[in-house]
Amino acid sequence: MKDDPKETGLDRKLISLDEPHEVRSWTESLGVTEQELKTAITAVGNSVERVCEYLRKK
């Protein structure tokens, strides 16, 4: 089932690369490219907290 882009909650704790609206939203809010976001998720998983920490250290 596709995510509803209007729904929040747990969606804001995990990043889904399968949802174009999420990728766009996260790249804009984090100020990174799609590739940088994918690299971060590959390195630390899709937890927003861990991705943000990873990107801060870069």
C-alpha atoms as a PDB file:
ATOM      1  CA  MET A   1       0.000   0.000   0.000  1.00  0.00           C
ATOM      2  CA  LYS A   2       1.287   3.437  -0.920  1.00  0.00           C
ATOM      3  CA  ASP A   3       1.874   6.063   1.738  1.00  0.00           C
ATOM      4  CA  ASP A   4      -0.590   8.893   1.932  1.00  0.00           C
ATOM      5  CA  PRO A   5       1.486  12.074   1.552  1.00  0.00           C
ATOM      6  CA  LYS A   6      -1.001  13.879   3.809  1.00  0.00           C
ATOM      7  CA  GLU A   7      -0.521  11.445   6.702  1.00  0.00           C
ATOM      8  CA  THR A   8       2.197  11.975   9.300  1.00  0.00           C
ATOM      9  CA  GLY A   9       3.137  10.221  12.515  1.00  0.00           C
ATOM     10  CA  LEU A  10       5.437   7.250  12.057  1.00  0.00           C
ATOM     11  CA  ASP A  11       6.113   8.381   8.489  1.00  0.00           C
ATOM     12  CA  ARG A  12       8.203  11.219   9.900  1.00  0.00           C
ATOM     13  CA  LYS A  13      10.459   8.759  11.767  1.00  0.00           C
ATOM     14  CA  LEU A  14      11.396   6.637   8.744  1.00  0.00           C
ATOM     15  CA  ILE A  15      12.453   7.595   5.226  1.00  0.00           C
ATOM     16  CA  SER A  16      11.093   5.571   2.318  1.00  0.00           C
ATOM     17  CA  LEU A  17      13.082   5.703  -0.904  1.00  0.00           C
ATOM     18  CA  ASP A  18      10.158   3.951  -2.624  1.00  0.00           C
ATOM     19  CA  GLU A  19       7.949   7.028  -2.326  1.00  0.00           C
ATOM     20  CA  PRO A  20       8.938   9.895  -4.673  1.00  0.00           C
ATOM     21  CA  HIS A  21       7.145  12.487  -2.555  1.00  0.00           C
ATOM     22  CA  GLU A  22       9.135  11.379   0.508  1.00  0.00           C
ATOM     23  CA  VAL A  23      12.454  11.482  -1.340  1.00  0.00           C
ATOM     24  CA  ARG A  24      11.674  14.968  -2.618  1.00  0.00           C
ATOM     25  CA  SER A  25      10.532  16.157   0.804  1.00  0.00           C
ATOM     26  CA  TRP A  26      13.546  14.759   2.656  1.00  0.00           C
ATOM     27  CA  THR A  27      16.135  15.982   0.150  1.00  0.00           C
ATOM     28  CA  GLU A  28      14.646  19.479   0.359  1.00  0.00           C
ATOM     29  CA  SER A  29      14.357  19.549   4.138  1.00  0.00           C
ATOM     30  CA  LEU A  30      17.825  18.064   4.707  1.00  0.00           C
ATOM     31  CA  GLY A  31      19.499  20.079   1.951  1.00  0.00           C
ATOM     32  CA  VAL A  32      21.027  17.027   0.258  1.00  0.00           C
ATOM     33  CA  THR A  33      20.866  15.373  -3.134  1.00  0.00           C
ATOM     34  CA  GLU A  34      18.930  12.184  -3.743  1.00  0.00           C
ATOM     35  CA  GLN A  35      22.212  10.291  -4.025  1.00  0.00           C
ATOM     36  CA  GLU A  36      23.461  11.678  -0.693  1.00  0.00           C
ATOM     37  CA  LEU A  37      20.188  10.606   0.928  1.00  0.00           C
ATOM     38  CA  LYS A  38      20.483   7.101  -0.565  1.00  0.00           C
ATOM     39  CA  THR A  39      24.093   6.832   0.603  1.00  0.00           C
ATOM     40  CA  ALA A  40      23.121   7.841   4.137  1.00  0.00           C
ATOM     41  CA  ILE A  41      20.265   5.326   4.237  1.00  0.00           C
ATOM     42  CA  THR A  42      22.549   2.580   2.940  1.00  0.00           C
ATOM     43  CA  ALA A  43      25.081   3.423   5.652  1.00  0.00           C
ATOM     44  CA  VAL A  44      22.782   3.743   8.675  1.00  0.00           C
ATOM     45  CA  GLY A  45      19.270   2.591   7.736  1.00  0.00           C
ATOM     46  CA  ASN A  46      16.105   4.595   7.144  1.00  0.00           C
ATOM     47  CA  SER A  47      15.651   6.084  10.615  1.00  0.00           C
ATOM     48  CA  VAL A  48      15.380   9.867  10.285  1.00  0.00           C
ATOM     49  CA  GLU A  49      17.362  10.335  13.488  1.00  0.00           C
ATOM     50  CA  ARG A  50      20.275   8.174  12.299  1.00  0.00           C
ATOM     51  CA  VAL A  51      20.254   9.680   8.786  1.00  0.00           C
ATOM     52  CA  CYS A  52      20.375  13.215  10.224  1.00  0.00           C
ATOM     53  CA  GLU A  53      23.227  12.258  12.552  1.00  0.00           C
ATOM     54  CA  TYR A  54      25.133  10.657   9.665  1.00  0.00           C
ATOM     55  CA  LEU A  55      24.672  13.714   7.443  1.00  0.00           C
ATOM     56  CA  ARG A  56      25.771  16.091  10.233  1.00  0.00           C
ATOM     57  CA  LYS A  57      29.042  14.189  10.540  1.00  0.00           C
ATOM     58  CA  LYS A  58      29.710  14.415   6.809  1.00  0.00           C
END
